[in-house]
Amino acid sequence: MQKLGVSNTQVLGVTMDGFFANKAWTDQLGTNFPMLSDIGGETTRRYGIFNPQTKAARRATFLIDKSGKILEIMLDQDALDPANAVAACERHKLKE
């Protein structure tokens, strides 16, 4: 995550859990980025990662440029490894 901080990148987490669950989760993991709550699933549906069978979001990492354009999407296992996000930033030359 430190590499993302020096690459002019903002990291945000989005879950379908509420504030208190997100707070407990971030405290447990020691994350240093904001966690946003998508309780009704509107955001996960708009991004196409809502799974109606499990009624939950798939794990996903989106690389979005400053204009709001999605440059790359990492799903499931690929989304869990922060090195993939760092590599995506490097591929798209988001560093200043």
PDB file of N, CA and C in Angstrom:
ATOM      1  N   MET A   1       0.811  -1.192   0.000  1.00  0.00           N
ATOM      2  CA  MET A   1       0.000   0.000   0.000  1.00  0.00           C
ATOM      3  C   MET A   1       0.860   1.264   0.000  1.00  0.00           C
ATOM      4  N   GLN A   2       2.053   1.195   0.550  1.00  0.00           N
ATOM      5  CA  GLN A   2       2.915   2.370   0.554  1.00  0.00           C
ATOM      6  C   GLN A   2       3.274   2.786  -0.863  1.00  0.00           C
ATOM      7  N   LYS A   3       3.485   1.806  -1.756  1.00  0.00           N
ATOM      8  CA  LYS A   3       3.806   2.133  -3.142  1.00  0.00           C
ATOM      9  C   LYS A   3       2.670   2.898  -3.805  1.00  0.00           C
ATOM     10  N   LEU A   4       1.423   2.565  -3.461  1.00  0.00           N
ATOM     11  CA  LEU A   4       0.289   3.283  -4.039  1.00  0.00           C
ATOM     12  C   LEU A   4       0.272   4.727  -3.566  1.00  0.00           C
ATOM     13  N   GLY A   5       0.659   4.946  -2.328  1.00  0.00           N
ATOM     14  CA  GLY A   5       0.665   6.303  -1.788  1.00  0.00           C
ATOM     15  C   GLY A   5       1.625   7.219  -2.510  1.00  0.00           C
ATOM     16  N   VAL A   6       2.735   6.678  -3.002  1.00  0.00           N
ATOM     17  CA  VAL A   6       3.703   7.512  -3.700  1.00  0.00           C
ATOM     18  C   VAL A   6       3.421   7.581  -5.192  1.00  0.00           C
ATOM     19  N   SER A   7       2.385   6.913  -5.659  1.00  0.00           N
ATOM     20  CA  SER A   7       2.083   6.930  -7.091  1.00  0.00           C
ATOM     21  C   SER A   7       0.891   7.839  -7.407  1.00  0.00           C
ATOM     22  N   ASN A   8       0.666   8.836  -6.548  1.00  0.00           N
ATOM     23  CA  ASN A   8      -0.413   9.793  -6.778  1.00  0.00           C
ATOM     24  C   ASN A   8      -1.748   9.068  -6.912  1.00  0.00           C
ATOM     25  N   THR A   9      -2.000   8.159  -5.984  1.00  0.00           N
ATOM     26  CA  THR A   9      -3.169   7.293  -6.039  1.00  0.00           C
ATOM     27  C   THR A   9      -3.964   7.404  -4.749  1.00  0.00           C
ATOM     28  N   GLN A  10      -5.275   7.417  -4.858  1.00  0.00           N
ATOM     29  CA  GLN A  10      -6.159   7.381  -3.689  1.00  0.00           C
ATOM     30  C   GLN A  10      -6.770   5.995  -3.595  1.00  0.00           C
ATOM     31  N   VAL A  11      -6.612   5.355  -2.460  1.00  0.00           N
ATOM     32  CA  VAL A  11      -7.187   4.033  -2.233  1.00  0.00           C
ATOM     33  C   VAL A  11      -8.449   4.203  -1.395  1.00  0.00           C
ATOM     34  N   LEU A  12      -9.532   3.592  -1.836  1.00  0.00           N
ATOM     35  CA  LEU A  12     -10.792   3.566  -1.098  1.00  0.00           C
ATOM     36  C   LEU A  12     -11.280   2.130  -1.052  1.00  0.00           C
ATOM     37  N   GLY A  13     -11.821   1.726   0.072  1.00  0.00           N
ATOM     38  CA  GLY A  13     -12.453   0.420   0.174  1.00  0.00           C
ATOM     39  C   GLY A  13     -13.962   0.606   0.192  1.00  0.00           C
ATOM     40  N   VAL A  14     -14.683  -0.284  -0.444  1.00  0.00           N
ATOM     41  CA  VAL A  14     -16.142  -0.238  -0.438  1.00  0.00           C
ATOM     42  C   VAL A  14     -16.634  -1.623  -0.072  1.00  0.00           C
ATOM     43  N   THR A  15     -17.509  -1.687   0.944  1.00  0.00           N
ATOM     44  CA  THR A  15     -18.108  -2.955   1.326  1.00  0.00           C
ATOM     45  C   THR A  15     -19.616  -2.779   1.433  1.00  0.00           C
ATOM     46  N   MET A  16     -20.320  -3.874   1.491  1.00  0.00           N
ATOM     47  CA  MET A  16     -21.764  -3.814   1.687  1.00  0.00           C
ATOM     48  C   MET A  16     -22.116  -3.877   3.168  1.00  0.00           C
ATOM     49  N   ASP A  17     -21.105  -3.791   4.014  1.00  0.00           N
ATOM     50  CA  ASP A  17     -21.309  -3.790   5.462  1.00  0.00           C
ATOM     51  C   ASP A  17     -21.544  -2.368   5.961  1.00  0.00           C
ATOM     52  N   GLY A  18     -22.035  -2.264   7.177  1.00  0.00           N
ATOM     53  CA  GLY A  18     -22.268  -0.976   7.796  1.00  0.00           C
ATOM     54  C   GLY A  18     -21.013  -0.392   8.416  1.00  0.00           C
ATOM     55  N   PHE A  19     -21.154   0.815   8.947  1.00  0.00           N
ATOM     56  CA  PHE A  19     -20.030   1.545   9.516  1.00  0.00           C
ATOM     57  C   PHE A  19     -19.299   0.756  10.593  1.00  0.00           C
ATOM     58  N   PHE A  20     -20.021   0.184  11.542  1.00  0.00           N
ATOM     59  CA  PHE A  20     -19.386  -0.489  12.672  1.00  0.00           C
ATOM     60  C   PHE A  20     -18.633  -1.746  12.240  1.00  0.00           C
ATOM     61  N   ALA A  21     -19.191  -2.481  11.300  1.00  0.00           N
ATOM     62  CA  ALA A  21     -18.491  -3.657  10.767  1.00  0.00           C
ATOM     63  C   ALA A  21     -17.227  -3.233  10.028  1.00  0.00           C
ATOM     64  N   ASN A  22     -17.332  -2.156   9.240  1.00  0.00           N
ATOM     65  CA  ASN A  22     -16.153  -1.652   8.524  1.00  0.00           C
ATOM     66  C   ASN A  22     -15.080  -1.191   9.495  1.00  0.00           C
ATOM     67  N   LYS A  23     -15.488  -0.509  10.546  1.00  0.00           N
ATOM     68  CA  LYS A  23     -14.529  -0.014  11.545  1.00  0.00           C
ATOM     69  C   LYS A  23     -13.808  -1.189  12.206  1.00  0.00           C
ATOM     70  N   ALA A  24     -14.542  -2.217  12.595  1.00  0.00           N
ATOM     71  CA  ALA A  24     -13.934  -3.395  13.221  1.00  0.00           C
ATOM     72  C   ALA A  24     -12.964  -4.075  12.256  1.00  0.00           C
ATOM     73  N   TRP A  25     -13.362  -4.185  11.006  1.00  0.00           N
ATOM     74  CA  TRP A  25     -12.534  -4.849   9.998  1.00  0.00           C
ATOM     75  C   TRP A  25     -11.252  -4.069   9.751  1.00  0.00           C
ATOM     76  N   THR A  26     -11.349  -2.736   9.583  1.00  0.00           N
ATOM     77  CA  THR A  26     -10.154  -1.931   9.333  1.00  0.00           C
ATOM     78  C   THR A  26      -9.240  -1.908  10.559  1.00  0.00           C
ATOM     79  N   ASP A  27      -9.822  -1.896  11.754  1.00  0.00           N
ATOM     80  CA  ASP A  27      -8.997  -1.958  12.968  1.00  0.00           C
ATOM     81  C   ASP A  27      -8.239  -3.285  13.038  1.00  0.00           C
ATOM     82  N   GLN A  28      -8.923  -4.369  12.699  1.00  0.00           N
ATOM     83  CA  GLN A  28      -8.297  -5.690  12.746  1.00  0.00           C
ATOM     84  C   GLN A  28      -7.160  -5.807  11.738  1.00  0.00           C
ATOM     85  N   LEU A  29      -7.377  -5.278  10.525  1.00  0.00           N
ATOM     86  CA  LEU A  29      -6.363  -5.385   9.469  1.00  0.00           C
ATOM     87  C   LEU A  29      -5.319  -4.276   9.525  1.00  0.00           C
ATOM     88  N   GLY A  30      -5.636  -3.204  10.232  1.00  0.00           N
ATOM     89  CA  GLY A  30      -4.701  -2.086  10.303  1.00  0.00           C
ATOM     90  C   GLY A  30      -4.605  -1.300   9.012  1.00  0.00           C
ATOM     91  N   THR A  31      -5.692  -1.226   8.271  1.00  0.00           N
ATOM     92  CA  THR A  31      -5.660  -0.474   7.014  1.00  0.00           C
ATOM     93  C   THR A  31      -5.582   1.022   7.295  1.00  0.00           C
ATOM     94  N   ASN A  32      -5.038   1.744   6.330  1.00  0.00           N
ATOM     95  CA  ASN A  32      -4.902   3.188   6.492  1.00  0.00           C
ATOM     96  C   ASN A  32      -5.604   3.955   5.368  1.00  0.00           C
ATOM     97  N   PHE A  33      -6.646   3.348   4.807  1.00  0.00           N
ATOM     98  CA  PHE A  33      -7.414   4.034   3.763  1.00  0.00           C
ATOM     99  C   PHE A  33      -8.891   4.025   4.151  1.00  0.00           C
ATOM    100  N   PRO A  34      -9.657   4.974   3.626  1.00  0.00           N
ATOM    101  CA  PRO A  34     -11.083   5.058   3.973  1.00  0.00           C
ATOM    102  C   PRO A  34     -11.871   3.850   3.476  1.00  0.00           C
ATOM    103  N   MET A  35     -12.806   3.405   4.315  1.00  0.00           N
ATOM    104  CA  MET A  35     -13.733   2.337   3.944  1.00  0.00           C
ATOM    105  C   MET A  35     -15.124   2.954   3.803  1.00  0.00           C
ATOM    106  N   LEU A  36     -15.747   2.745   2.665  1.00  0.00           N
ATOM    107  CA  LEU A  36     -17.066   3.288   2.388  1.00  0.00           C
ATOM    108  C   LEU A  36     -18.096   2.169   2.477  1.00  0.00           C
ATOM    109  N   SER A  37     -19.275   2.512   2.939  1.00  0.00           N
ATOM    110  CA  SER A  37     -20.332   1.519   3.128  1.00  0.00           C
ATOM    111  C   SER A  37     -21.371   1.618   2.014  1.00  0.00           C
ATOM    112  N   ASP A  38     -21.649   0.491   1.379  1.00  0.00           N
ATOM    113  CA  ASP A  38     -22.650   0.385   0.313  1.00  0.00           C
ATOM    114  C   ASP A  38     -23.726  -0.594   0.776  1.00  0.00           C
ATOM    115  N   ILE A  39     -24.432  -0.225   1.834  1.00  0.00           N
ATOM    116  CA  ILE A  39     -25.368  -1.140   2.487  1.00  0.00           C
ATOM    117  C   ILE A  39     -26.424  -1.679   1.529  1.00  0.00           C
ATOM    118  N   GLY A  40     -27.014  -0.855   0.709  1.00  0.00           N
ATOM    119  CA  GLY A  40     -28.061  -1.318  -0.206  1.00  0.00           C
ATOM    120  C   GLY A  40     -27.535  -1.979  -1.463  1.00  0.00           C
ATOM    121  N   GLY A  41     -26.224  -1.894  -1.702  1.00  0.00           N
ATOM    122  CA  GLY A  41     -25.626  -2.533  -2.865  1.00  0.00           C
ATOM    123  C   GLY A  41     -25.733  -1.741  -4.155  1.00  0.00           C
ATOM    124  N   GLU A  42     -26.153  -0.483  -4.079  1.00  0.00           N
ATOM    125  CA  GLU A  42     -26.308   0.315  -5.304  1.00  0.00           C
ATOM    126  C   GLU A  42     -24.988   0.452  -6.062  1.00  0.00           C
ATOM    127  N   THR A  43     -23.916   0.744  -5.346  1.00  0.00           N
ATOM    128  CA  THR A  43     -22.618   0.922  -6.002  1.00  0.00           C
ATOM    129  C   THR A  43     -22.119  -0.391  -6.591  1.00  0.00           C
ATOM    130  N   THR A  44     -22.241  -1.487  -5.837  1.00  0.00           N
ATOM    131  CA  THR A  44     -21.768  -2.767  -6.364  1.00  0.00           C
ATOM    132  C   THR A  44     -22.563  -3.190  -7.596  1.00  0.00           C
ATOM    133  N   ARG A  45     -23.830  -2.872  -7.628  1.00  0.00           N
ATOM    134  CA  ARG A  45     -24.639  -3.179  -8.829  1.00  0.00           C
ATOM    135  C   ARG A  45     -24.189  -2.323 -10.014  1.00  0.00           C
ATOM    136  N   ARG A  46     -23.969  -1.045  -9.771  1.00  0.00           N
ATOM    137  CA  ARG A  46     -23.553  -0.150 -10.864  1.00  0.00           C
ATOM    138  C   ARG A  46     -22.204  -0.551 -11.456  1.00  0.00           C
ATOM    139  N   TYR A  47     -21.337  -1.088 -10.606  1.00  0.00           N
ATOM    140  CA  TYR A  47     -20.020  -1.517 -11.088  1.00  0.00           C
ATOM    141  C   TYR A  47     -20.031  -2.955 -11.589  1.00  0.00           C
ATOM    142  N   GLY A  48     -21.186  -3.617 -11.532  1.00  0.00           N
ATOM    143  CA  GLY A  48     -21.325  -4.946 -12.102  1.00  0.00           C
ATOM    144  C   GLY A  48     -20.684  -6.057 -11.292  1.00  0.00           C
ATOM    145  N   ILE A  49     -20.525  -5.863  -9.988  1.00  0.00           N
ATOM    146  CA  ILE A  49     -19.872  -6.893  -9.183  1.00  0.00           C
ATOM    147  C   ILE A  49     -20.801  -7.501  -8.130  1.00  0.00           C
ATOM    148  N   PHE A  50     -22.088  -7.171  -8.182  1.00  0.00           N
ATOM    149  CA  PHE A  50     -23.046  -7.757  -7.249  1.00  0.00           C
ATOM    150  C   PHE A  50     -23.390  -9.165  -7.703  1.00  0.00           C
ATOM    151  N   ASN A  51     -23.328 -10.117  -6.782  1.00  0.00           N
ATOM    152  CA  ASN A  51     -23.675 -11.506  -7.078  1.00  0.00           C
ATOM    153  C   ASN A  51     -25.044 -11.786  -6.475  1.00  0.00           C
ATOM    154  N   PRO A  52     -26.091 -11.903  -7.298  1.00  0.00           N
ATOM    155  CA  PRO A  52     -27.436 -12.104  -6.760  1.00  0.00           C
ATOM    156  C   PRO A  52     -27.608 -13.442  -6.034  1.00  0.00           C
ATOM    157  N   GLN A  53     -26.802 -14.438  -6.365  1.00  0.00           N
ATOM    158  CA  GLN A  53     -26.912 -15.737  -5.695  1.00  0.00           C
ATOM    159  C   GLN A  53     -26.462 -15.650  -4.240  1.00  0.00           C
ATOM    160  N   THR A  54     -25.380 -14.910  -3.988  1.00  0.00           N
ATOM    161  CA  THR A  54     -24.864 -14.787  -2.624  1.00  0.00           C
ATOM    162  C   THR A  54     -25.330 -13.501  -1.940  1.00  0.00           C
ATOM    163  N   LYS A  55     -25.969 -12.630  -2.735  1.00  0.00           N
ATOM    164  CA  LYS A  55     -26.403 -11.314  -2.248  1.00  0.00           C
ATOM    165  C   LYS A  55     -25.243 -10.522  -1.640  1.00  0.00           C
ATOM    166  N   ALA A  56     -24.096 -10.643  -2.286  1.00  0.00           N
ATOM    167  CA  ALA A  56     -22.881  -9.966  -1.841  1.00  0.00           C
ATOM    168  C   ALA A  56     -22.087  -9.520  -3.067  1.00  0.00           C
ATOM    169  N   ALA A  57     -21.129  -8.668  -2.818  1.00  0.00           N
ATOM    170  CA  ALA A  57     -20.265  -8.196  -3.902  1.00  0.00           C
ATOM    171  C   ALA A  57     -19.104  -9.155  -4.101  1.00  0.00           C
ATOM    172  N   ARG A  58     -18.672  -9.286  -5.341  1.00  0.00           N
ATOM    173  CA  ARG A  58     -17.435 -10.007  -5.620  1.00  0.00           C
ATOM    174  C   ARG A  58     -16.274  -9.154  -5.139  1.00  0.00           C
ATOM    175  N   ARG A  59     -15.171  -9.775  -4.829  1.00  0.00           N
ATOM    176  CA  ARG A  59     -13.961  -9.011  -4.525  1.00  0.00           C
ATOM    177  C   ARG A  59     -13.498  -8.374  -5.818  1.00  0.00           C
ATOM    178  N   ALA A  60     -13.227  -7.091  -5.781  1.00  0.00           N
ATOM    179  CA  ALA A  60     -12.812  -6.389  -6.998  1.00  0.00           C
ATOM    180  C   ALA A  60     -11.920  -5.214  -6.649  1.00  0.00           C
ATOM    181  N   THR A  61     -10.989  -4.939  -7.541  1.00  0.00           N
ATOM    182  CA  THR A  61     -10.170  -3.732  -7.474  1.00  0.00           C
ATOM    183  C   THR A  61     -10.326  -3.027  -8.811  1.00  0.00           C
ATOM    184  N   PHE A  62     -10.680  -1.753  -8.741  1.00  0.00           N
ATOM    185  CA  PHE A  62     -10.841  -0.937  -9.944  1.00  0.00           C
ATOM    186  C   PHE A  62      -9.753   0.117  -9.966  1.00  0.00           C
ATOM    187  N   LEU A  63      -9.095   0.264 -11.104  1.00  0.00           N
ATOM    188  CA  LEU A  63      -8.161   1.362 -11.321  1.00  0.00           C
ATOM    189  C   LEU A  63      -8.921   2.395 -12.139  1.00  0.00           C
ATOM    190  N   ILE A  64      -9.160   3.554 -11.526  1.00  0.00           N
ATOM    191  CA  ILE A  64      -9.974   4.603 -12.140  1.00  0.00           C
ATOM    192  C   ILE A  64      -9.119   5.851 -12.263  1.00  0.00           C
ATOM    193  N   ASP A  65      -9.098   6.444 -13.453  1.00  0.00           N
ATOM    194  CA  ASP A  65      -8.272   7.638 -13.622  1.00  0.00           C
ATOM    195  C   ASP A  65      -8.969   8.870 -13.049  1.00  0.00           C
ATOM    196  N   LYS A  66      -8.282   9.994 -13.099  1.00  0.00           N
ATOM    197  CA  LYS A  66      -8.796  11.224 -12.485  1.00  0.00           C
ATOM    198  C   LYS A  66     -10.070  11.733 -13.139  1.00  0.00           C
ATOM    199  N   SER A  67     -10.330  11.326 -14.373  1.00  0.00           N
ATOM    200  CA  SER A  67     -11.552  11.757 -15.052  1.00  0.00           C
ATOM    201  C   SER A  67     -12.728  10.823 -14.747  1.00  0.00           C
ATOM    202  N   GLY A  68     -12.467   9.717 -14.029  1.00  0.00           N
ATOM    203  CA  GLY A  68     -13.522   8.766 -13.687  1.00  0.00           C
ATOM    204  C   GLY A  68     -13.606   7.563 -14.610  1.00  0.00           C
ATOM    205  N   LYS A  69     -12.702   7.457 -15.575  1.00  0.00           N
ATOM    206  CA  LYS A  69     -12.693   6.336 -16.517  1.00  0.00           C
ATOM    207  C   LYS A  69     -12.048   5.115 -15.861  1.00  0.00           C
ATOM    208  N   ILE A  70     -12.716   3.968 -15.960  1.00  0.00           N
ATOM    209  CA  ILE A  70     -12.157   2.716 -15.441  1.00  0.00           C
ATOM    210  C   ILE A  70     -11.081   2.234 -16.409  1.00  0.00           C
ATOM    211  N   LEU A  71      -9.862   2.126 -15.900  1.00  0.00           N
ATOM    212  CA  LEU A  71      -8.745   1.696 -16.736  1.00  0.00           C
ATOM    213  C   LEU A  71      -8.510   0.190 -16.661  1.00  0.00           C
ATOM    214  N   GLU A  72      -8.783  -0.384 -15.491  1.00  0.00           N
ATOM    215  CA  GLU A  72      -8.524  -1.800 -15.309  1.00  0.00           C
ATOM    216  C   GLU A  72      -9.368  -2.327 -14.151  1.00  0.00           C
ATOM    217  N   ILE A  73      -9.768  -3.599 -14.250  1.00  0.00           N
ATOM    218  CA  ILE A  73     -10.548  -4.255 -13.202  1.00  0.00           C
ATOM    219  C   ILE A  73      -9.856  -5.568 -12.849  1.00  0.00           C
ATOM    220  N   MET A  74      -9.638  -5.772 -11.564  1.00  0.00           N
ATOM    221  CA  MET A  74      -9.110  -7.034 -11.064  1.00  0.00           C
ATOM    222  C   MET A  74     -10.206  -7.668 -10.217  1.00  0.00           C
ATOM    223  N   LEU A  75     -10.506  -8.935 -10.470  1.00  0.00           N
ATOM    224  CA  LEU A  75     -11.605  -9.614  -9.781  1.00  0.00           C
ATOM    225  C   LEU A  75     -11.128 -10.803  -8.971  1.00  0.00           C
ATOM    226  N   ASP A  76     -11.912 -11.091  -7.937  1.00  0.00           N
ATOM    227  CA  ASP A  76     -11.757 -12.283  -7.116  1.00  0.00           C
ATOM    228  C   ASP A  76     -10.335 -12.386  -6.556  1.00  0.00           C
ATOM    229  N   GLN A  77      -9.637 -13.466  -6.803  1.00  0.00           N
ATOM    230  CA  GLN A  77      -8.312 -13.678  -6.211  1.00  0.00           C
ATOM    231  C   GLN A  77      -7.329 -12.574  -6.617  1.00  0.00           C
ATOM    232  N   ASP A  78      -7.392 -12.114  -7.861  1.00  0.00           N
ATOM    233  CA  ASP A  78      -6.490 -11.048  -8.318  1.00  0.00           C
ATOM    234  C   ASP A  78      -6.700  -9.753  -7.544  1.00  0.00           C
ATOM    235  N   ALA A  79      -7.921  -9.529  -7.067  1.00  0.00           N
ATOM    236  CA  ALA A  79      -8.231  -8.300  -6.342  1.00  0.00           C
ATOM    237  C   ALA A  79      -7.677  -8.304  -4.921  1.00  0.00           C
ATOM    238  N   LEU A  80      -7.343  -9.464  -4.397  1.00  0.00           N
ATOM    239  CA  LEU A  80      -6.875  -9.556  -3.017  1.00  0.00           C
ATOM    240  C   LEU A  80      -5.408  -9.179  -2.846  1.00  0.00           C
ATOM    241  N   ASP A  81      -4.631  -9.235  -3.903  1.00  0.00           N
ATOM    242  CA  ASP A  81      -3.199  -8.965  -3.813  1.00  0.00           C
ATOM    243  C   ASP A  81      -2.917  -7.516  -4.194  1.00  0.00           C
ATOM    244  N   PRO A  82      -2.490  -6.670  -3.232  1.00  0.00           N
ATOM    245  CA  PRO A  82      -2.217  -5.263  -3.543  1.00  0.00           C
ATOM    246  C   PRO A  82      -1.134  -5.075  -4.604  1.00  0.00           C
ATOM    247  N   ALA A  83      -0.268  -6.068  -4.776  1.00  0.00           N
ATOM    248  CA  ALA A  83       0.771  -5.963  -5.800  1.00  0.00           C
ATOM    249  C   ALA A  83       0.162  -5.825  -7.190  1.00  0.00           C
ATOM    250  N   ASN A  84      -1.010  -6.421  -7.405  1.00  0.00           N
ATOM    251  CA  ASN A  84      -1.683  -6.299  -8.700  1.00  0.00           C
ATOM    252  C   ASN A  84      -2.118  -4.860  -8.955  1.00  0.00           C
ATOM    253  N   ALA A  85      -2.588  -4.170  -7.919  1.00  0.00           N
ATOM    254  CA  ALA A  85      -2.987  -2.770  -8.067  1.00  0.00           C
ATOM    255  C   ALA A  85      -1.770  -1.897  -8.345  1.00  0.00           C
ATOM    256  N   VAL A  86      -0.672  -2.168  -7.661  1.00  0.00           N
ATOM    257  CA  VAL A  86       0.564  -1.413  -7.898  1.00  0.00           C
ATOM    258  C   VAL A  86       1.023  -1.607  -9.334  1.00  0.00           C
ATOM    259  N   ALA A  87       1.012  -2.846  -9.806  1.00  0.00           N
ATOM    260  CA  ALA A  87       1.421  -3.133 -11.180  1.00  0.00           C
ATOM    261  C   ALA A  87       0.512  -2.434 -12.186  1.00  0.00           C
ATOM    262  N   ALA A  88      -0.779  -2.398 -11.899  1.00  0.00           N
ATOM    263  CA  ALA A  88      -1.720  -1.725 -12.797  1.00  0.00           C
ATOM    264  C   ALA A  88      -1.414  -0.232 -12.868  1.00  0.00           C
ATOM    265  N   CYS A  89      -1.112   0.374 -11.730  1.00  0.00           N
ATOM    266  CA  CYS A  89      -0.748   1.800 -11.719  1.00  0.00           C
ATOM    267  C   CYS A  89       0.498   2.032 -12.567  1.00  0.00           C
ATOM    268  N   GLU A  90       1.456   1.162 -12.413  1.00  0.00           N
ATOM    269  CA  GLU A  90       2.698   1.298 -13.190  1.00  0.00           C
ATOM    270  C   GLU A  90       2.419   1.127 -14.674  1.00  0.00           C
ATOM    271  N   ARG A  91       1.552   0.187 -15.019  1.00  0.00           N
ATOM    272  CA  ARG A  91       1.210  -0.024 -16.441  1.00  0.00           C
ATOM    273  C   ARG A  91       0.560   1.203 -17.053  1.00  0.00           C
ATOM    274  N   HIS A  92      -0.251   1.869 -16.284  1.00  0.00           N
ATOM    275  CA  HIS A  92      -0.998   3.019 -16.797  1.00  0.00           C
ATOM    276  C   HIS A  92      -0.289   4.338 -16.503  1.00  0.00           C
ATOM    277  N   LYS A  93       0.901   4.241 -15.964  1.00  0.00           N
ATOM    278  CA  LYS A  93       1.751   5.417 -15.727  1.00  0.00           C
ATOM    279  C   LYS A  93       1.020   6.511 -14.973  1.00  0.00           C
ATOM    280  N   LEU A  94       0.426   6.127 -13.834  1.00  0.00           N
ATOM    281  CA  LEU A  94      -0.294   7.101 -13.024  1.00  0.00           C
ATOM    282  C   LEU A  94       0.634   7.883 -12.103  1.00  0.00           C
ATOM    283  N   LYS A  95       1.910   7.541 -12.112  1.00  0.00           N
ATOM    284  CA  LYS A  95       2.861   8.260 -11.255  1.00  0.00           C
ATOM    285  C   LYS A  95       3.117   9.643 -11.836  1.00  0.00           C
ATOM    286  N   GLU A  96       3.353  10.581 -10.945  1.00  0.00           N
ATOM    287  CA  GLU A  96       3.678  11.944 -11.394  1.00  0.00           C
ATOM    288  C   GLU A  96       5.120  12.013 -11.816  1.00  0.00           C
TER     289      GLU A  96
END
